[in-house]
C-alpha atoms as a PDB file:
ATOM      1  CA  UNK A   1      47.202-120.020-105.875  1.00  0.00           C
ATOM      2  CA  UNK A   2      49.716-117.633-107.277  1.00  0.00           C
ATOM      3  CA  UNK A   3      51.611-114.937-105.458  1.00  0.00           C
ATOM      4  CA  UNK A   4      49.525-112.235-107.163  1.00  0.00           C
ATOM      5  CA  UNK A   5      46.346-114.019-106.137  1.00  0.00           C
ATOM      6  CA  UNK A   6      47.488-114.091-102.522  1.00  0.00           C
ATOM      7  CA  UNK A   7      48.249-110.361-102.664  1.00  0.00           C
ATOM      8  CA  UNK A   8      44.762-109.638-103.979  1.00  0.00           C
ATOM      9  CA  UNK A   9      43.260-111.831-101.262  1.00  0.00           C
ATOM     10  CA  UNK A  10      45.267-110.072 -98.544  1.00  0.00           C
ATOM     11  CA  UNK A  11      44.252-106.690 -99.961  1.00  0.00           C
ATOM     12  CA  UNK A  12      40.549-107.581 -99.916  1.00  0.00           C
ATOM     13  CA  UNK A  13      40.707-109.108 -96.423  1.00  0.00           C
ATOM     14  CA  UNK A  14      42.523-106.089 -94.964  1.00  0.00           C
ATOM     15  CA  UNK A  15      40.091-103.637 -96.559  1.00  0.00           C
ATOM     16  CA  UNK A  16      37.094-105.630 -95.331  1.00  0.00           C
ATOM     17  CA  UNK A  17      38.566-105.782 -91.823  1.00  0.00           C
ATOM     18  CA  UNK A  18      39.158-102.015 -91.814  1.00  0.00           C
ATOM     19  CA  UNK A  19      35.583-101.393 -92.985  1.00  0.00           C
ATOM     20  CA  UNK A  20      34.192-103.600 -90.221  1.00  0.00           C
ATOM     21  CA  UNK A  21      36.331-101.871 -87.593  1.00  0.00           C
ATOM     22  CA  UNK A  22      35.237 -98.469 -88.890  1.00  0.00           C
ATOM     23  CA  UNK A  23      31.572 -99.468 -88.697  1.00  0.00           C
ATOM     24  CA  UNK A  24      32.022-100.765 -85.159  1.00  0.00           C
ATOM     25  CA  UNK A  25      33.705 -97.533 -84.111  1.00  0.00           C
ATOM     26  CA  UNK A  26      31.034 -95.413 -85.804  1.00  0.00           C
ATOM     27  CA  UNK A  27      28.158 -97.346 -84.271  1.00  0.00           C
ATOM     28  CA  UNK A  28      29.770 -97.310 -80.814  1.00  0.00           C
ATOM     29  CA  UNK A  29      30.232 -93.539 -80.795  1.00  0.00           C
ATOM     30  CA  UNK A  30      27.124 -92.300 -82.614  1.00  0.00           C
ATOM     31  CA  UNK A  31      23.456 -92.561 -81.691  1.00  0.00           C
ATOM     32  CA  UNK A  32      21.355 -94.577 -84.109  1.00  0.00           C
ATOM     33  CA  UNK A  33      19.035 -91.627 -84.770  1.00  0.00           C
ATOM     34  CA  UNK A  34      22.067 -89.541 -85.761  1.00  0.00           C
ATOM     35  CA  UNK A  35      23.239 -92.305 -88.103  1.00  0.00           C
ATOM     36  CA  UNK A  36      19.829 -92.378 -89.785  1.00  0.00           C
ATOM     37  CA  UNK A  37      19.846 -88.587 -90.079  1.00  0.00           C
ATOM     38  CA  UNK A  38      23.300 -88.755 -91.671  1.00  0.00           C
ATOM     39  CA  UNK A  39      22.131 -91.378 -94.160  1.00  0.00           C
ATOM     40  CA  UNK A  40      19.208 -89.130 -95.058  1.00  0.00           C
ATOM     41  CA  UNK A  41      21.563 -86.205 -95.655  1.00  0.00           C
ATOM     42  CA  UNK A  42      23.712 -88.423 -97.875  1.00  0.00           C
ATOM     43  CA  UNK A  43      20.690 -88.994-100.102  1.00  0.00           C
ATOM     44  CA  UNK A  44      19.882 -92.578 -99.149  1.00  0.00           C
ATOM     45  CA  UNK A  45      16.262 -93.357-100.130  1.00  0.00           C
ATOM     46  CA  UNK A  46      13.738 -92.922 -97.339  1.00  0.00           C
ATOM     47  CA  UNK A  47      12.481 -96.499 -97.763  1.00  0.00           C
ATOM     48  CA  UNK A  48      15.902 -97.906 -96.875  1.00  0.00           C
ATOM     49  CA  UNK A  49      16.165 -95.625 -93.844  1.00  0.00           C
ATOM     50  CA  UNK A  50      12.724 -96.763 -92.667  1.00  0.00           C
ATOM     51  CA  UNK A  51      13.687-100.412 -93.105  1.00  0.00           C
ATOM     52  CA  UNK A  52      16.856 -99.854 -91.056  1.00  0.00           C
ATOM     53  CA  UNK A  53      14.816 -98.114 -88.369  1.00  0.00           C
ATOM     54  CA  UNK A  54      12.326-101.000 -88.157  1.00  0.00           C
ATOM     55  CA  UNK A  55      15.143-103.556 -88.077  1.00  0.00           C
ATOM     56  CA  UNK A  56      16.833-101.707 -85.220  1.00  0.00           C
ATOM     57  CA  UNK A  57      13.645-101.602 -83.194  1.00  0.00           C
ATOM     58  CA  UNK A  58      12.835-105.242 -83.937  1.00  0.00           C
ATOM     59  CA  UNK A  59      16.221-106.460 -82.681  1.00  0.00           C
ATOM     60  CA  UNK A  60      15.227-105.537 -79.135  1.00  0.00           C
ATOM     61  CA  UNK A  61      11.938-107.422 -79.466  1.00  0.00           C
ATOM     62  CA  UNK A  62      13.835-110.530 -80.585  1.00  0.00           C
ATOM     63  CA  UNK A  63      16.363-110.212 -77.765  1.00  0.00           C
ATOM     64  CA  UNK A  64      13.555-109.979 -75.205  1.00  0.00           C
ATOM     65  CA  UNK A  65      11.890-113.056 -76.685  1.00  0.00           C
ATOM     66  CA  UNK A  66      15.159-115.023 -76.612  1.00  0.00           C
ATOM     67  CA  UNK A  67      15.679-114.070 -72.970  1.00  0.00           C
ATOM     68  CA  UNK A  68      12.162-115.259 -72.095  1.00  0.00           C
ATOM     69  CA  UNK A  69      12.742-118.543 -73.906  1.00  0.00           C
ATOM     70  CA  UNK A  70      16.094-119.081 -72.173  1.00  0.00           C
ATOM     71  CA  UNK A  71      14.528-118.456 -68.786  1.00  0.00           C
ATOM     72  CA  UNK A  72      11.775-120.973 -69.605  1.00  0.00           C
ATOM     73  CA  UNK A  73      14.354-123.502 -70.818  1.00  0.00           C
ATOM     74  CA  UNK A  74      16.459-123.112 -67.684  1.00  0.00           C
ATOM     75  CA  UNK A  75      13.444-123.495 -65.424  1.00  0.00           C
ATOM     76  CA  UNK A  76      12.672-126.813 -67.137  1.00  0.00           C
ATOM     77  CA  UNK A  77      16.153-128.215 -66.454  1.00  0.00           C
ATOM     78  CA  UNK A  78      18.044-128.040 -69.749  1.00  0.00           C
ATOM     79  CA  UNK A  79      20.373-130.901 -68.751  1.00  0.00           C
ATOM     80  CA  UNK A  80      20.643-134.217 -70.493  1.00  0.00           C
ATOM     81  CA  UNK A  81      22.812-135.492 -73.278  1.00  0.00           C
ATOM     82  CA  UNK A  82      24.204-133.564 -76.203  1.00  0.00           C
ATOM     83  CA  UNK A  83      21.474-134.826 -78.545  1.00  0.00           C
ATOM     84  CA  UNK A  84      18.722-133.653 -76.196  1.00  0.00           C
ATOM     85  CA  UNK A  85      20.353-130.228 -75.862  1.00  0.00           C
ATOM     86  CA  UNK A  86      20.631-129.861 -79.647  1.00  0.00           C
ATOM     87  CA  UNK A  87      17.023-130.940 -80.111  1.00  0.00           C
ATOM     88  CA  UNK A  88      15.870-128.404 -77.507  1.00  0.00           C
ATOM     89  CA  UNK A  89      17.956-125.668 -79.128  1.00  0.00           C
ATOM     90  CA  UNK A  90      16.458-126.490 -82.531  1.00  0.00           C
ATOM     91  CA  UNK A  91      12.961-126.339 -81.091  1.00  0.00           C
ATOM     92  CA  UNK A  92      13.748-122.970 -79.512  1.00  0.00           C
ATOM     93  CA  UNK A  93      15.031-121.550 -82.800  1.00  0.00           C
ATOM     94  CA  UNK A  94      11.956-122.805 -84.629  1.00  0.00           C
ATOM     95  CA  UNK A  95       9.677-121.293 -82.014  1.00  0.00           C
ATOM     96  CA  UNK A  96      11.562-117.983 -82.177  1.00  0.00           C
ATOM     97  CA  UNK A  97      11.200-117.959 -85.962  1.00  0.00           C
ATOM     98  CA  UNK A  98       7.447-118.586 -85.721  1.00  0.00           C
ATOM     99  CA  UNK A  99       6.917-116.009 -82.965  1.00  0.00           C
ATOM    100  CA  UNK A 100       8.921-113.377 -84.809  1.00  0.00           C
ATOM    101  CA  UNK A 101       6.678-113.635 -87.841  1.00  0.00           C
END
């Protein structure tokens, strides 16, 4: 890597980090409905706004399902070796994927 290449890399990383921080700040201080309204006023297509709205609502359904699965896992004694824990975690992720469809 050259010095110029490292400068470009640093520039891209810093800009990406600032964008992520800005999005976190915006989402922490603004209601989601207001964000969608702002996107609509910016001229974002309605289909994209609807998709974002459905995704936002669906996140809470997935979180509830994960919490139910964790409670079931804990009630069945999740102990055992590392391999058993990984196998159980894989089964849980597969089940979550199937249930979410």
